[in-house]
Protein backbone atom coordinates (compact mmCIF):
# COMPACT_ATOMS: atom_id res chain seq x y z
CA UNK A 1 45.41 -35.87 -10.53
CA UNK A 2 45.22 -39.20 -12.33
CA UNK A 3 48.91 -40.03 -11.87
CA UNK A 4 49.09 -38.93 -8.23
CA UNK A 5 50.09 -41.68 -5.82
CA UNK A 6 49.81 -40.48 -2.21
CA UNK A 7 52.53 -40.96 0.38
CA UNK A 8 50.98 -42.20 3.63
CA UNK A 9 52.73 -42.74 6.95
CA UNK A 10 51.09 -45.26 9.26
CA UNK A 11 51.87 -45.52 12.99
CA UNK A 12 50.64 -48.92 14.19
CA UNK A 13 50.61 -50.27 17.74
CA UNK A 14 52.60 -53.46 18.14
CA UNK A 15 49.92 -55.57 19.78
CA UNK A 16 46.84 -54.96 17.64
CA UNK A 17 46.93 -52.85 14.48
CA UNK A 18 50.44 -53.93 13.46
CA UNK A 19 49.42 -57.54 14.04
CA UNK A 20 46.30 -56.85 11.95
CA UNK A 21 48.49 -55.48 9.16
CA UNK A 22 50.72 -58.54 9.45
CA UNK A 23 47.68 -60.81 9.16
CA UNK A 24 46.56 -58.91 6.08
CA UNK A 25 49.96 -59.53 4.50
CA UNK A 26 50.16 -63.21 5.46
CA UNK A 27 46.60 -63.77 4.22
CA UNK A 28 47.36 -61.91 0.97
CA UNK A 29 44.55 -59.41 1.45
CA UNK A 30 45.14 -56.76 -1.19
CA UNK A 31 45.55 -53.10 -0.20
CA UNK A 32 47.58 -50.19 -1.65
CA UNK A 33 51.30 -50.08 -1.01
CA UNK A 34 51.24 -46.32 -0.40
CA UNK A 35 51.52 -46.65 3.38
CA UNK A 36 54.91 -46.68 5.08
CA UNK A 37 54.49 -48.40 8.44
CA UNK A 38 56.13 -47.35 11.69
CA UNK A 39 55.60 -49.86 14.52
CA UNK A 40 55.20 -48.43 18.02
CA UNK A 41 54.57 -50.29 21.26
CA UNK A 42 51.37 -48.32 21.92
CA UNK A 43 49.39 -45.75 19.95
CA UNK A 44 49.86 -43.44 22.95
CA UNK A 45 53.55 -43.27 21.99
CA UNK A 46 52.64 -41.29 18.88
CA UNK A 47 53.20 -37.67 19.83
CA UNK A 48 50.78 -35.29 18.02
CA UNK A 49 53.70 -33.04 17.04
CA UNK A 50 55.23 -35.96 15.09
CA UNK A 51 52.13 -36.04 12.90
CA UNK A 52 52.63 -32.37 12.00
CA UNK A 53 56.28 -33.14 11.30
CA UNK A 54 55.23 -35.89 8.89
CA UNK A 55 53.15 -33.39 6.93
CA UNK A 56 56.07 -30.96 6.93
CA UNK A 57 58.29 -33.74 5.59
CA UNK A 58 55.90 -34.38 2.69
CA UNK A 59 53.37 -37.00 3.79
CA UNK A 60 50.04 -36.65 1.99
CA UNK A 61 48.22 -38.54 4.75
CA UNK A 62 48.96 -39.86 8.23
CA UNK A 63 47.29 -42.87 9.83
CA UNK A 64 47.38 -43.96 13.48
CA UNK A 65 46.12 -47.43 14.42
CA UNK A 66 45.65 -48.79 17.92
CA UNK A 67 43.82 -51.39 19.96
CA UNK A 68 40.07 -51.10 20.43
CA UNK A 69 38.99 -49.05 23.43
CA UNK A 70 39.00 -51.38 26.42
CA UNK A 71 41.53 -53.75 24.86
CA UNK A 72 44.71 -51.70 25.21
CA UNK A 73 47.63 -53.80 26.46
CA UNK A 74 48.62 -50.80 28.57
CA UNK A 75 45.07 -50.42 29.95
CA UNK A 76 44.37 -46.74 29.11
CA UNK A 77 46.97 -45.97 26.43
CA UNK A 78 44.46 -45.59 23.62
CA UNK A 79 42.26 -43.35 25.79
CA UNK A 80 45.13 -40.86 25.83
CA UNK A 81 45.63 -41.36 22.10
CA UNK A 82 42.00 -40.47 21.43
CA UNK A 83 42.24 -37.23 23.43
CA UNK A 84 45.55 -36.16 21.87
CA UNK A 85 44.47 -36.80 18.30
CA UNK A 86 41.53 -34.43 18.68
CA UNK A 87 44.15 -31.67 18.77
CA UNK A 88 45.61 -32.84 15.46
CA UNK A 89 42.26 -32.57 13.66
CA UNK A 90 41.52 -29.15 15.15
CA UNK A 91 44.95 -27.78 14.25
CA UNK A 92 44.77 -29.08 10.69
CA UNK A 93 41.65 -26.94 10.31
CA UNK A 94 43.53 -23.91 11.65
CA UNK A 95 46.39 -24.61 9.24
CA UNK A 96 43.91 -24.72 6.35
CA UNK A 97 44.51 -28.38 5.48
CA UNK A 98 41.79 -31.01 5.29
CA UNK A 99 41.38 -32.85 8.57
CA UNK A 100 40.66 -35.93 6.43
CA UNK A 101 44.39 -36.17 5.73
CA UNK A 102 44.66 -37.65 9.22
CA UNK A 103 42.88 -40.82 10.33
CA UNK A 104 42.70 -42.66 13.64
CA UNK A 105 41.30 -46.20 13.76
CA UNK A 106 41.12 -49.07 16.22
CA UNK A 107 42.10 -52.37 14.58
CA UNK A 108 42.53 -55.68 16.41
CA UNK A 109 45.08 -58.39 15.62
CA UNK A 110 42.34 -60.53 14.04
CA UNK A 111 41.03 -57.80 11.72
CA UNK A 112 43.32 -58.26 8.74
CA UNK A 113 40.46 -57.84 6.25
CA UNK A 114 39.28 -54.69 8.01
CA UNK A 115 42.80 -53.23 8.07
CA UNK A 116 43.18 -53.81 4.32
CA UNK A 117 39.82 -52.14 3.70
CA UNK A 118 40.69 -49.11 5.83
CA UNK A 119 44.00 -48.64 4.01
CA UNK A 120 42.30 -48.91 0.64
CA UNK A 121 39.62 -46.36 1.58
CA UNK A 122 42.17 -43.97 3.12
CA UNK A 123 44.49 -44.11 0.10
CA UNK A 124 41.57 -43.45 -2.25
CA UNK A 125 40.40 -40.53 -0.12
CA UNK A 126 43.88 -38.93 -0.05
CA UNK A 127 44.09 -39.41 -3.80
CA UNK A 128 40.84 -37.44 -4.17
CA UNK A 129 42.05 -34.68 -1.83
CA UNK A 130 45.31 -34.36 -3.75
CA UNK A 131 48.99 -33.80 -2.92
CA UNK A 132 50.22 -32.21 0.27
CA UNK A 133 50.14 -28.44 -0.46
CA UNK A 134 53.39 -27.67 1.41
CA UNK A 135 55.63 -29.77 -0.86
CA UNK A 136 56.38 -29.85 -4.55
CA UNK A 137 57.61 -27.21 -6.98
CA UNK A 138 55.29 -24.49 -5.65
CA UNK A 139 54.72 -25.13 -1.93
CA UNK A 140 52.08 -23.13 -0.10
CA UNK A 141 54.35 -21.16 2.21
CA UNK A 142 51.47 -19.81 4.31
CA UNK A 143 50.32 -23.34 5.14
CA UNK A 144 53.90 -24.45 5.75
CA UNK A 145 54.33 -21.57 8.19
CA UNK A 146 51.16 -22.57 10.03
CA UNK A 147 52.27 -26.20 10.18
CA UNK A 148 55.48 -25.08 11.90
CA UNK A 149 53.37 -23.08 14.34
CA UNK A 150 50.98 -26.01 14.93
CA UNK A 151 53.92 -28.32 15.64
CA UNK A 152 55.25 -25.89 18.25
CA UNK A 153 51.82 -25.53 19.83
CA UNK A 154 51.56 -29.31 20.23
CA UNK A 155 54.92 -29.30 22.02
CA UNK A 156 53.71 -26.76 24.61
CA UNK A 157 53.88 -28.29 28.11
CA UNK A 158 50.70 -26.58 29.38
CA UNK A 159 48.62 -28.01 26.57
CA UNK A 160 50.20 -31.45 27.04
CA UNK A 161 49.38 -31.35 30.76
CA UNK A 162 45.75 -30.44 30.05
CA UNK A 163 45.35 -33.24 27.49
CA UNK A 164 46.93 -35.80 29.81
CA UNK A 165 44.59 -34.75 32.63
CA UNK A 166 41.46 -35.27 30.55
CA UNK A 167 41.14 -38.99 31.23
CA UNK A 168 41.55 -38.30 34.95
CA UNK A 169 38.91 -35.53 34.82
CA UNK A 170 36.47 -37.91 33.14
CA UNK A 171 37.02 -40.77 35.56
CA UNK A 172 37.85 -39.09 38.89
CA UNK A 173 36.81 -35.46 38.45
CA UNK A 174 38.72 -32.25 39.13
CA UNK A 175 40.32 -31.21 42.44
CA UNK A 176 36.84 -30.54 43.83
CA UNK A 177 35.64 -34.01 42.88
CA UNK A 178 33.38 -32.75 40.08
CA UNK A 179 33.37 -35.01 37.05
CA UNK A 180 33.35 -33.22 33.71
CA UNK A 181 31.61 -34.64 30.68
CA UNK A 182 33.17 -35.03 27.22
CA UNK A 183 31.58 -31.87 25.84
CA UNK A 184 32.83 -29.70 28.71
CA UNK A 185 36.34 -31.10 28.41
CA UNK A 186 36.42 -30.62 24.65
CA UNK A 187 35.42 -26.96 25.04
CA UNK A 188 38.15 -26.38 27.63
CA UNK A 189 40.69 -28.12 25.39
CA UNK A 190 39.72 -26.28 22.20
CA UNK A 191 39.66 -22.90 23.97
CA UNK A 192 43.17 -23.55 25.32
CA UNK A 193 44.30 -24.70 21.88
CA UNK A 194 43.02 -21.50 20.25
CA UNK A 195 44.79 -19.32 22.83
CA UNK A 196 48.10 -21.17 22.44
CA UNK A 197 47.85 -21.11 18.65
CA UNK A 198 47.22 -17.35 18.62
CA UNK A 199 50.16 -16.78 20.96
CA UNK A 200 52.41 -18.90 18.77
CA UNK A 201 51.30 -16.98 15.67
CA UNK A 202 52.18 -13.69 17.39
CA UNK A 203 55.62 -15.03 18.35
CA UNK A 204 56.19 -16.26 14.80
CA UNK A 205 55.25 -12.93 13.20
CA UNK A 206 57.55 -10.99 15.52
CA UNK A 207 60.51 -13.36 15.37
CA UNK A 208 62.52 -11.31 12.85
CA UNK A 209 61.40 -7.70 13.24
CA UNK A 210 59.59 -5.71 15.92
CA UNK A 211 55.95 -4.96 15.16
CA UNK A 212 53.22 -2.80 16.66
CA UNK A 213 49.96 -4.23 17.97
CA UNK A 214 48.19 -2.88 14.87
CA UNK A 215 50.73 -4.47 12.51
CA UNK A 216 50.52 -7.81 14.35
CA UNK A 217 46.73 -7.71 14.19
CA UNK A 218 46.78 -7.03 10.45
CA UNK A 219 49.30 -9.84 9.85
CA UNK A 220 47.46 -12.41 11.94
CA UNK A 221 43.76 -11.44 11.71
CA UNK A 222 43.65 -11.49 15.51
CA UNK A 223 41.69 -8.48 16.94
CA UNK A 224 43.97 -5.75 18.37
CA UNK A 225 42.58 -6.10 21.92
CA UNK A 226 43.31 -9.84 21.85
CA UNK A 227 46.82 -9.17 20.51
CA UNK A 228 47.45 -6.77 23.38
CA UNK A 229 46.19 -9.28 25.96
CA UNK A 230 48.35 -12.07 24.55
CA UNK A 231 51.42 -9.84 24.38
CA UNK A 232 50.93 -9.11 28.10
CA UNK A 233 50.78 -12.87 28.79
CA UNK A 234 53.83 -13.57 26.65
CA UNK A 235 55.81 -10.79 28.31
CA UNK A 236 55.15 -12.34 31.72
CA UNK A 237 56.67 -15.54 30.37
CA UNK A 238 59.66 -13.65 28.88
CA UNK A 239 58.74 -14.85 25.38
CA UNK A 240 58.33 -11.39 23.88
CA UNK A 241 59.76 -8.01 24.80
CA UNK A 242 59.32 -4.32 24.06
CA UNK A 243 61.95 -3.45 21.47
CA UNK A 244 61.35 0.30 21.13
CA UNK A 245 58.69 2.95 20.76
CA UNK A 246 58.13 4.68 17.43
CA UNK A 247 55.96 7.77 17.80
CA UNK A 248 53.26 6.53 20.12
CA UNK A 249 53.43 2.87 19.05
CA UNK A 250 55.34 0.30 21.10
CA UNK A 251 57.07 -2.30 18.91
CA UNK A 252 57.45 -5.87 20.18
CA UNK A 253 59.83 -8.62 19.18
CA UNK A 254 59.80 -12.27 20.24
CA UNK A 255 62.60 -13.74 22.33
CA UNK A 256 62.97 -16.61 19.93
CA UNK A 257 60.71 -19.10 18.19
CA UNK A 258 61.90 -22.70 18.10
CA UNK A 259 61.23 -24.70 14.94
């Protein structure tokens, strides 16, 4: 779209990337005005669920900028940022939105030229991708629904605990003292993310009317045996309950889905 001007939200850490943006402005380095900056004390203060909320509110792209690894003013803040933002990219894929709509970069206070270049490249990329599909006159309701689900998944305390433990697992190892490498940790994280996303989808689909395992499977594309396993897990957590039995089919309804 030739006349499309993307809306970009940028979360910048106070000590480095915001200072880099300030230097770009003071030095009159030209870059697009599409980005709306939110200053945070550390990139680790940017909760992944907030990024999903930005897309729900109409942002076409979201940028997070922090200090270079090893230079964080809070020592390991950007290490946690790096681990958390992996979830954002993975969930955007599950939602069906381009993961390129989100960008994480490390920019120091002296890199005003680099910051301007990154913003220019990001704005041009978002312009090529096009408008956010969940806003406008004809929003994609399926993607909007999945964004709501993704936001709820990112707020799950078990997933948060696992992400926050990753840096510790890399540096100190697990309870048995075994250090896990990046690839092993990513697999554990992505497997947990898939499970939590599927559970959230099941809760979403059953939030208004009770459904059978077969109906849930057809609505979610999750195999029936997986649906049954996840329903058992959700029932143990009192998140879903048996509503009634029709013929030989139990019908389940969620205990509430927060959005």
